[in-house]
Amino acid sequence: MITFKELLKTSKSNDIAIHTPTEDQAKILLSELDKSGYVWADGDKLTDKTRYETFEEDTCYGFNGMGDMPKEILYSSLWWNQALNITIVEFTDINFKENT
């Protein structure tokens, strides 16, 4: 289990993709990322569209750039991230309650 804050911190120095097997999970994740100042790589607001329909249950969301790069989110398939050996975090392994 990883907290959402830890996930964001880790994403600054590691390639991470978050796997969301359901569109409801995608909506929750994108909403939280939106609140943290992230946008789609094309500049659109994350909560305007999930882009889930492209890969459906194989949808992953990743961070475009690391360190002080712009806060941009990309989407891709689970198999693509696996092929690139990107660390995959399951949505269900993220604790969105900021108790820490």
N, C-alpha and C. Protein backbone atom coordinates (compact mmCIF):
# COMPACT_ATOMS: atom_id res chain seq x y z
N MET A 1 0.85 -1.18 0.00
CA MET A 1 0.00 0.00 0.00
C MET A 1 0.89 1.24 0.00
N ILE A 2 0.52 2.21 -0.79
CA ILE A 2 1.25 3.48 -0.88
C ILE A 2 0.23 4.62 -0.77
N THR A 3 0.61 5.67 -0.06
CA THR A 3 -0.30 6.81 0.02
C THR A 3 -0.21 7.59 -1.29
N PHE A 4 -1.24 8.35 -1.56
CA PHE A 4 -1.27 9.16 -2.77
C PHE A 4 -0.11 10.16 -2.77
N LYS A 5 0.17 10.77 -1.63
CA LYS A 5 1.29 11.72 -1.53
C LYS A 5 2.62 11.04 -1.82
N GLU A 6 2.80 9.82 -1.29
CA GLU A 6 4.03 9.07 -1.56
C GLU A 6 4.14 8.74 -3.05
N LEU A 7 3.02 8.40 -3.66
CA LEU A 7 3.00 8.09 -5.08
C LEU A 7 3.48 9.28 -5.90
N LEU A 8 2.95 10.46 -5.60
CA LEU A 8 3.34 11.66 -6.32
C LEU A 8 4.82 11.97 -6.12
N LYS A 9 5.30 11.79 -4.91
CA LYS A 9 6.72 12.02 -4.63
C LYS A 9 7.59 11.02 -5.39
N THR A 10 7.22 9.76 -5.38
CA THR A 10 7.98 8.72 -6.07
C THR A 10 8.00 8.94 -7.58
N SER A 11 6.91 9.50 -8.12
CA SER A 11 6.82 9.71 -9.56
C SER A 11 7.83 10.74 -10.08
N LYS A 12 8.38 11.53 -9.18
CA LYS A 12 9.35 12.56 -9.59
C LYS A 12 10.71 11.96 -9.92
N SER A 13 10.96 10.73 -9.45
CA SER A 13 12.26 10.12 -9.70
C SER A 13 12.17 8.72 -10.31
N ASN A 14 10.96 8.24 -10.57
CA ASN A 14 10.77 6.90 -11.11
C ASN A 14 9.67 6.89 -12.16
N ASP A 15 9.83 6.01 -13.16
CA ASP A 15 8.76 5.80 -14.13
C ASP A 15 7.69 4.92 -13.48
N ILE A 16 6.50 5.48 -13.34
CA ILE A 16 5.40 4.76 -12.69
C ILE A 16 4.16 4.88 -13.56
N ALA A 17 3.40 3.79 -13.63
CA ALA A 17 2.09 3.81 -14.28
C ALA A 17 1.08 3.26 -13.27
N ILE A 18 -0.11 3.86 -13.26
CA ILE A 18 -1.16 3.41 -12.35
C ILE A 18 -2.21 2.68 -13.18
N HIS A 19 -2.44 1.42 -12.84
CA HIS A 19 -3.40 0.59 -13.56
C HIS A 19 -4.78 0.76 -12.94
N THR A 20 -5.76 1.13 -13.77
CA THR A 20 -7.14 1.32 -13.31
C THR A 20 -8.05 0.38 -14.11
N PRO A 21 -8.36 -0.80 -13.58
CA PRO A 21 -9.18 -1.76 -14.31
C PRO A 21 -10.63 -1.33 -14.55
N THR A 22 -11.11 -0.30 -13.84
CA THR A 22 -12.48 0.17 -14.06
C THR A 22 -12.47 1.67 -14.34
N GLU A 23 -13.49 2.12 -15.04
CA GLU A 23 -13.57 3.56 -15.33
C GLU A 23 -13.85 4.35 -14.06
N ASP A 24 -14.57 3.78 -13.12
CA ASP A 24 -14.80 4.48 -11.84
C ASP A 24 -13.47 4.74 -11.14
N GLN A 25 -12.57 3.76 -11.16
CA GLN A 25 -11.25 3.96 -10.55
C GLN A 25 -10.49 5.06 -11.30
N ALA A 26 -10.59 5.05 -12.62
CA ALA A 26 -9.92 6.07 -13.43
C ALA A 26 -10.43 7.46 -13.05
N LYS A 27 -11.73 7.60 -12.88
CA LYS A 27 -12.32 8.89 -12.52
C LYS A 27 -11.81 9.38 -11.17
N ILE A 28 -11.70 8.47 -10.21
CA ILE A 28 -11.21 8.84 -8.88
C ILE A 28 -9.75 9.29 -8.97
N LEU A 29 -8.93 8.49 -9.65
CA LEU A 29 -7.51 8.83 -9.80
C LEU A 29 -7.33 10.17 -10.49
N LEU A 30 -8.00 10.35 -11.61
CA LEU A 30 -7.85 11.60 -12.37
C LEU A 30 -8.34 12.81 -11.59
N SER A 31 -9.38 12.63 -10.80
CA SER A 31 -9.89 13.71 -9.96
C SER A 31 -8.84 14.11 -8.92
N GLU A 32 -8.21 13.13 -8.30
CA GLU A 32 -7.19 13.42 -7.29
C GLU A 32 -5.95 14.06 -7.93
N LEU A 33 -5.57 13.57 -9.10
CA LEU A 33 -4.43 14.18 -9.81
C LEU A 33 -4.76 15.62 -10.23
N ASP A 34 -6.00 15.84 -10.65
CA ASP A 34 -6.44 17.18 -11.02
C ASP A 34 -6.33 18.14 -9.83
N LYS A 35 -6.76 17.68 -8.67
CA LYS A 35 -6.67 18.50 -7.46
C LYS A 35 -5.22 18.83 -7.11
N SER A 36 -4.30 17.98 -7.56
CA SER A 36 -2.87 18.18 -7.28
C SER A 36 -2.17 18.97 -8.38
N GLY A 37 -2.94 19.49 -9.34
CA GLY A 37 -2.39 20.38 -10.35
C GLY A 37 -1.95 19.71 -11.65
N TYR A 38 -2.28 18.45 -11.83
CA TYR A 38 -1.90 17.75 -13.06
C TYR A 38 -2.92 17.99 -14.16
N VAL A 39 -2.46 17.91 -15.41
CA VAL A 39 -3.31 18.06 -16.60
C VAL A 39 -2.89 16.99 -17.61
N TRP A 40 -3.72 16.81 -18.64
CA TRP A 40 -3.33 15.94 -19.75
C TRP A 40 -2.15 16.58 -20.46
N ALA A 41 -1.34 15.79 -21.13
CA ALA A 41 -0.16 16.30 -21.84
C ALA A 41 -0.54 17.36 -22.88
N ASP A 42 -1.78 17.31 -23.38
CA ASP A 42 -2.22 18.33 -24.34
C ASP A 42 -2.77 19.57 -23.65
N GLY A 43 -2.72 19.60 -22.32
CA GLY A 43 -3.15 20.76 -21.55
C GLY A 43 -4.59 20.71 -21.07
N ASP A 44 -5.36 19.73 -21.54
CA ASP A 44 -6.76 19.61 -21.12
C ASP A 44 -6.86 19.20 -19.65
N LYS A 45 -7.97 19.56 -19.05
CA LYS A 45 -8.25 19.21 -17.66
C LYS A 45 -8.51 17.70 -17.55
N LEU A 46 -7.92 17.05 -16.55
CA LEU A 46 -8.04 15.61 -16.39
C LEU A 46 -9.47 15.14 -16.17
N THR A 47 -10.27 15.97 -15.55
CA THR A 47 -11.64 15.56 -15.23
C THR A 47 -12.60 15.74 -16.40
N ASP A 48 -12.12 16.31 -17.52
CA ASP A 48 -12.98 16.48 -18.69
C ASP A 48 -13.21 15.17 -19.44
N LYS A 49 -12.22 14.28 -19.40
CA LYS A 49 -12.33 12.98 -20.07
C LYS A 49 -11.34 12.01 -19.45
N THR A 50 -11.75 10.75 -19.37
CA THR A 50 -10.88 9.73 -18.77
C THR A 50 -9.97 9.07 -19.79
N ARG A 51 -10.40 9.06 -21.03
CA ARG A 51 -9.70 8.37 -22.12
C ARG A 51 -9.63 6.86 -21.85
N TYR A 52 -10.49 6.41 -20.97
CA TYR A 52 -10.55 5.00 -20.57
C TYR A 52 -10.98 4.09 -21.72
N GLU A 53 -11.82 4.61 -22.61
CA GLU A 53 -12.40 3.78 -23.67
C GLU A 53 -11.36 3.21 -24.63
N THR A 54 -10.18 3.78 -24.68
CA THR A 54 -9.15 3.30 -25.59
C THR A 54 -8.63 1.92 -25.20
N PHE A 55 -8.30 1.75 -23.93
CA PHE A 55 -7.73 0.48 -23.47
C PHE A 55 -8.61 -0.25 -22.45
N GLU A 56 -9.69 0.40 -22.02
CA GLU A 56 -10.64 -0.14 -21.05
C GLU A 56 -9.93 -0.74 -19.84
N GLU A 57 -10.17 -2.01 -19.50
CA GLU A 57 -9.64 -2.57 -18.25
C GLU A 57 -8.11 -2.66 -18.24
N ASP A 58 -7.47 -2.40 -19.36
CA ASP A 58 -6.00 -2.39 -19.43
C ASP A 58 -5.42 -0.98 -19.38
N THR A 59 -6.23 0.02 -19.00
CA THR A 59 -5.78 1.41 -18.98
C THR A 59 -4.81 1.68 -17.83
N CYS A 60 -3.74 2.36 -18.17
CA CYS A 60 -2.78 2.84 -17.19
C CYS A 60 -2.57 4.34 -17.41
N TYR A 61 -2.29 5.03 -16.33
CA TYR A 61 -1.99 6.46 -16.40
C TYR A 61 -0.59 6.66 -15.84
N GLY A 62 0.19 7.46 -16.54
CA GLY A 62 1.56 7.71 -16.12
C GLY A 62 1.89 9.18 -16.12
N PHE A 63 3.03 9.48 -15.57
CA PHE A 63 3.50 10.85 -15.42
C PHE A 63 4.45 11.18 -16.55
N ASN A 64 4.21 12.28 -17.24
CA ASN A 64 5.06 12.71 -18.34
C ASN A 64 6.20 13.55 -17.78
N GLY A 65 7.38 12.99 -17.75
CA GLY A 65 8.53 13.70 -17.20
C GLY A 65 8.68 13.46 -15.72
N MET A 66 9.84 13.80 -15.22
CA MET A 66 10.15 13.61 -13.81
C MET A 66 10.80 14.88 -13.27
N GLY A 67 11.00 14.93 -12.00
CA GLY A 67 11.65 16.08 -11.39
C GLY A 67 10.80 17.33 -11.49
N ASP A 68 11.36 18.38 -12.05
CA ASP A 68 10.65 19.66 -12.14
C ASP A 68 9.91 19.83 -13.46
N MET A 69 9.67 18.75 -14.16
CA MET A 69 8.95 18.80 -15.43
C MET A 69 7.50 19.24 -15.16
N PRO A 70 6.80 19.67 -16.21
CA PRO A 70 5.38 20.03 -16.03
C PRO A 70 4.58 18.84 -15.50
N LYS A 71 3.52 19.14 -14.80
CA LYS A 71 2.68 18.10 -14.21
C LYS A 71 1.69 17.59 -15.25
N GLU A 72 2.17 16.69 -16.11
CA GLU A 72 1.35 16.16 -17.19
C GLU A 72 1.12 14.66 -17.02
N ILE A 73 -0.06 14.23 -17.41
CA ILE A 73 -0.45 12.82 -17.33
C ILE A 73 -0.65 12.28 -18.74
N LEU A 74 -0.18 11.05 -18.94
CA LEU A 74 -0.36 10.32 -20.18
C LEU A 74 -1.17 9.06 -19.91
N TYR A 75 -1.77 8.48 -20.93
CA TYR A 75 -2.45 7.21 -20.76
C TYR A 75 -1.88 6.21 -21.77
N SER A 76 -1.88 4.96 -21.38
CA SER A 76 -1.37 3.90 -22.24
C SER A 76 -1.93 2.57 -21.75
N SER A 77 -1.53 1.50 -22.42
CA SER A 77 -2.05 0.18 -22.05
C SER A 77 -1.15 -0.50 -21.02
N LEU A 78 -1.73 -1.41 -20.30
CA LEU A 78 -1.00 -2.20 -19.32
C LEU A 78 0.14 -2.96 -20.00
N TRP A 79 -0.14 -3.60 -21.12
CA TRP A 79 0.89 -4.40 -21.80
C TRP A 79 2.06 -3.53 -22.26
N TRP A 80 1.78 -2.30 -22.68
CA TRP A 80 2.84 -1.39 -23.12
C TRP A 80 3.78 -1.07 -21.95
N ASN A 81 3.20 -0.77 -20.80
CA ASN A 81 4.00 -0.47 -19.62
C ASN A 81 4.80 -1.68 -19.17
N GLN A 82 4.21 -2.86 -19.25
CA GLN A 82 4.92 -4.08 -18.90
C GLN A 82 6.09 -4.31 -19.85
N ALA A 83 5.87 -4.07 -21.14
CA ALA A 83 6.92 -4.26 -22.14
C ALA A 83 8.10 -3.32 -21.90
N LEU A 84 7.84 -2.14 -21.38
CA LEU A 84 8.88 -1.15 -21.10
C LEU A 84 9.46 -1.28 -19.69
N ASN A 85 8.99 -2.29 -18.95
CA ASN A 85 9.44 -2.52 -17.57
C ASN A 85 9.21 -1.32 -16.66
N ILE A 86 8.09 -0.64 -16.88
CA ILE A 86 7.71 0.49 -16.03
C ILE A 86 7.04 -0.07 -14.78
N THR A 87 7.33 0.51 -13.65
CA THR A 87 6.71 0.08 -12.40
C THR A 87 5.22 0.35 -12.46
N ILE A 88 4.43 -0.69 -12.23
CA ILE A 88 2.97 -0.56 -12.28
C ILE A 88 2.42 -0.62 -10.87
N VAL A 89 1.65 0.40 -10.52
CA VAL A 89 0.97 0.46 -9.23
C VAL A 89 -0.50 0.21 -9.50
N GLU A 90 -1.07 -0.74 -8.80
CA GLU A 90 -2.50 -1.01 -8.95
C GLU A 90 -3.29 0.04 -8.19
N PHE A 91 -4.37 0.50 -8.78
CA PHE A 91 -5.22 1.51 -8.15
C PHE A 91 -5.59 1.09 -6.72
N THR A 92 -5.91 -0.19 -6.53
CA THR A 92 -6.34 -0.67 -5.22
C THR A 92 -5.22 -0.65 -4.18
N ASP A 93 -3.98 -0.42 -4.61
CA ASP A 93 -2.85 -0.34 -3.69
C ASP A 93 -2.53 1.09 -3.26
N ILE A 94 -3.37 2.04 -3.69
CA ILE A 94 -3.16 3.45 -3.34
C ILE A 94 -4.12 3.85 -2.23
N ASN A 95 -3.58 4.43 -1.18
CA ASN A 95 -4.39 4.95 -0.08
C ASN A 95 -4.59 6.44 -0.32
N PHE A 96 -5.81 6.80 -0.67
CA PHE A 96 -6.11 8.20 -0.97
C PHE A 96 -6.41 9.01 0.29
N LYS A 97 -6.56 8.34 1.41
CA LYS A 97 -6.80 9.05 2.68
C LYS A 97 -5.47 9.53 3.20
N GLU A 98 -5.32 10.83 3.30
CA GLU A 98 -4.04 11.42 3.68
C GLU A 98 -3.88 11.48 5.18
N ASN A 99 -3.79 10.32 5.81
CA ASN A 99 -3.66 10.25 7.27
C ASN A 99 -2.22 10.33 7.72
N THR A 100 -1.28 10.30 6.76
CA THR A 100 0.13 10.27 7.16
C THR A 100 0.75 11.64 7.10
